[in-house]
Each structure stands twice: as structure tokens, then as C-alpha cells.
């Protein structure tokens, strides 16, 4: 019985271990530390964060049929935290091309594209190819990208 209590407290101590305890692959260890836990303290560009916050409070209607931009972005787009993770992933991995299916209003695309722009290696940035089936949302996303 004492052994189980000891193991329980040991579990409580190690469950939030952020130093890669138990990760054997060097690639995965670096990914977890640098990207997921953000040990490099990478910050999303302010223009992307501000635009996302602006869209989250925009009361205008989307021409597709009755939903507001605010409702769509809050329910169907990535959150600020998930967007920051997308930014860090693309910045760290530096892919040559990203294919996004189902753009929505283009919020996640902004994070992906800005991560490609700020790649660390200095090589030519990759491309983002994004596809949206709803014409009204595709037009809105295209206007957002131009701005």
C-alpha cells in the first residue's frame, strides 16, 4: 500500500516534466522543447496577432449566408494559441511547400505564411497553396492576404 502511494506522488511530480524525460529521438526532443514548449521564446509577429484579434471582434456579415465574421473565426478558425503553434512549426520545419485544404477565412494561412517568411536558414521562403470551396470565403481570404 505504501508503495502505491509513493508511485502516485512520483507520478504527480513527473507528469508535467518539461525537460524531455523519456524522449529518445533527438529530433523529437528538439521539436518538443523548441516548438511545443517554446524554449526559444519565439513570438508571433504583432501584425498577425492584431489582425486575428480584429477578425475575432468583427461584426460584419459574410456574404455566404448569415454568419458574422466574428462567429466564423471564433468557431471554425484556429485560436491564438494554436496559431502561434502553427507559426513556430513552420518556422522550425521550413517546408518548401504547404498545402492547406479548407482555408475558411484565411486565419491559419496567415500564421503558416508568416512562419515561412521568418525562416531561420535565410533560404528562399516556401510557398503556401490554399484551397477553399466556398466562393464568398475564398474572396474574403484573398482580400485578407492582399492586405
Protein backbone atom coordinates (compact mmCIF):
# COMPACT_ATOMS: atom_id res chain seq x y z
CA UNK A 1 0.00 0.00 0.00
CA UNK A 2 2.84 2.42 0.84
CA UNK A 3 4.43 1.57 -2.50
CA UNK A 4 1.27 2.67 -4.38
CA UNK A 5 1.14 5.97 -2.50
CA UNK A 6 4.80 6.54 -3.30
CA UNK A 7 4.22 5.76 -7.00
CA UNK A 8 1.23 8.12 -7.09
CA UNK A 9 3.27 11.03 -5.72
CA UNK A 10 6.10 10.17 -8.09
CA UNK A 11 3.58 10.33 -10.96
CA UNK A 12 2.35 13.76 -9.79
CA UNK A 13 5.92 15.01 -9.75
CA UNK A 14 6.90 13.75 -13.23
CA UNK A 15 3.64 14.20 -15.17
CA UNK A 16 4.47 17.77 -16.21
CA UNK A 17 8.16 17.17 -16.72
CA UNK A 18 9.22 19.62 -19.43
CA UNK A 19 12.81 18.59 -19.93
CA UNK A 20 12.11 15.75 -22.36
CA UNK A 21 12.15 12.95 -19.78
CA UNK A 22 11.63 9.74 -21.71
CA UNK A 23 12.06 11.12 -25.25
CA UNK A 24 14.79 9.17 -27.00
CA UNK A 25 14.79 10.63 -30.51
CA UNK A 26 16.93 13.78 -30.74
CA UNK A 27 14.67 15.21 -33.46
CA UNK A 28 11.50 14.73 -31.40
CA UNK A 29 13.25 16.00 -28.26
CA UNK A 30 14.24 19.22 -30.06
CA UNK A 31 10.76 19.58 -31.58
CA UNK A 32 9.06 19.22 -28.20
CA UNK A 33 11.40 21.67 -26.48
CA UNK A 34 11.71 24.31 -29.19
CA UNK A 35 8.28 24.18 -30.83
CA UNK A 36 5.73 22.81 -28.39
CA UNK A 37 7.18 24.28 -25.17
CA UNK A 38 8.72 27.29 -26.99
CA UNK A 39 12.07 27.28 -25.22
CA UNK A 40 13.38 29.79 -27.80
CA UNK A 41 10.62 32.23 -26.78
CA UNK A 42 9.54 32.72 -30.39
CA UNK A 43 6.86 35.40 -30.73
CA UNK A 44 4.27 35.68 -33.50
CA UNK A 45 4.57 38.96 -35.44
CA UNK A 46 2.32 41.65 -33.99
CA UNK A 47 0.63 42.35 -37.33
CA UNK A 48 -0.65 38.75 -37.50
CA UNK A 49 -1.84 38.68 -33.88
CA UNK A 50 -3.55 42.06 -34.25
CA UNK A 51 -5.30 41.04 -37.47
CA UNK A 52 -6.53 37.83 -35.81
CA UNK A 53 -7.88 39.76 -32.83
CA UNK A 54 -9.53 42.24 -35.18
CA UNK A 55 -11.29 39.42 -37.05
CA UNK A 56 -12.43 37.86 -33.75
CA UNK A 57 -14.36 41.05 -32.97
CA UNK A 58 -15.60 41.96 -36.49
CA UNK A 59 -19.45 42.09 -36.53
CA UNK A 60 -19.79 42.24 -40.35
CA UNK A 61 -21.71 39.51 -42.16
CA UNK A 62 -20.03 37.08 -44.52
CA UNK A 63 -21.89 37.21 -47.84
CA UNK A 64 -22.31 33.40 -47.82
CA UNK A 65 -25.41 33.43 -45.66
CA UNK A 66 -25.97 34.99 -42.31
CA UNK A 67 -22.90 34.27 -40.21
CA UNK A 68 -20.75 37.07 -38.95
CA UNK A 69 -17.00 37.13 -39.37
CA UNK A 70 -16.66 37.10 -35.58
CA UNK A 71 -18.75 33.92 -35.24
CA UNK A 72 -16.92 32.11 -38.02
CA UNK A 73 -13.45 32.97 -36.73
CA UNK A 74 -14.29 32.03 -33.16
CA UNK A 75 -15.92 28.71 -34.04
CA UNK A 76 -14.18 27.47 -37.19
CA UNK A 77 -10.70 29.01 -37.18
CA UNK A 78 -7.64 28.36 -35.08
CA UNK A 79 -7.28 30.05 -31.71
CA UNK A 80 -4.46 32.47 -30.91
CA UNK A 81 -2.58 29.69 -29.12
CA UNK A 82 -3.00 27.20 -31.97
CA UNK A 83 -1.98 29.87 -34.47
CA UNK A 84 1.21 30.52 -32.52
CA UNK A 85 1.96 26.79 -32.62
CA UNK A 86 1.43 26.74 -36.41
CA UNK A 87 3.79 29.72 -36.74
CA UNK A 88 6.50 28.02 -34.66
CA UNK A 89 6.09 24.72 -36.55
CA UNK A 90 6.52 26.29 -39.98
CA UNK A 91 9.40 28.43 -38.78
CA UNK A 92 11.21 25.40 -37.34
CA UNK A 93 10.46 22.83 -40.08
CA UNK A 94 10.91 25.28 -43.01
CA UNK A 95 8.87 23.31 -45.57
CA UNK A 96 9.27 24.04 -49.27
CA UNK A 97 5.51 24.00 -49.82
CA UNK A 98 2.39 23.92 -47.65
CA UNK A 99 -0.96 22.70 -48.97
CA UNK A 100 -3.98 23.81 -46.95
CA UNK A 101 -7.38 22.38 -47.79
CA UNK A 102 -10.35 24.36 -46.48
CA UNK A 103 -9.00 27.86 -45.98
CA UNK A 104 -12.07 29.28 -44.28
CA UNK A 105 -11.35 32.97 -43.86
CA UNK A 106 -7.58 32.52 -44.02
CA UNK A 107 -6.57 32.90 -40.37
CA UNK A 108 -4.44 29.75 -40.17
CA UNK A 109 -2.95 30.57 -43.58
CA UNK A 110 -1.70 33.90 -42.18
CA UNK A 111 0.17 32.07 -39.41
CA UNK A 112 1.62 29.47 -41.80
CA UNK A 113 2.77 32.07 -44.34
CA UNK A 114 4.34 34.32 -41.71
CA UNK A 115 6.26 31.33 -40.32
CA UNK A 116 7.67 30.70 -43.78
CA UNK A 117 8.69 34.35 -44.17
CA UNK A 118 10.68 34.26 -40.92
CA UNK A 119 12.61 31.07 -41.55
CA UNK A 120 15.92 30.90 -39.74
CA UNK A 121 18.12 29.49 -42.51
CA UNK A 122 17.86 32.51 -44.79
CA UNK A 123 16.99 30.34 -47.80
CA UNK A 124 14.19 31.25 -50.17
CA UNK A 125 10.83 31.02 -48.38
CA UNK A 126 8.47 28.21 -49.28
CA UNK A 127 5.08 28.55 -50.89
CA UNK A 128 1.60 28.22 -49.42
CA UNK A 129 -1.10 26.76 -51.65
CA UNK A 130 -4.56 27.06 -50.14
CA UNK A 131 -7.93 25.85 -51.42
CA UNK A 132 -11.42 26.97 -50.35
CA UNK A 133 -14.64 25.62 -51.88
CA UNK A 134 -17.00 28.41 -50.78
CA UNK A 135 -16.57 31.37 -53.19
CA UNK A 136 -17.53 34.06 -50.66
CA UNK A 137 -15.00 32.84 -48.08
CA UNK A 138 -12.34 32.42 -50.76
CA UNK A 139 -12.86 36.03 -51.87
CA UNK A 140 -12.66 37.26 -48.27
CA UNK A 141 -9.46 35.27 -47.65
CA UNK A 142 -7.92 36.58 -50.86
CA UNK A 143 -8.68 40.17 -49.80
CA UNK A 144 -7.18 39.43 -46.37
CA UNK A 145 -3.97 38.13 -47.95
CA UNK A 146 -3.65 41.21 -50.13
CA UNK A 147 -3.94 43.46 -47.08
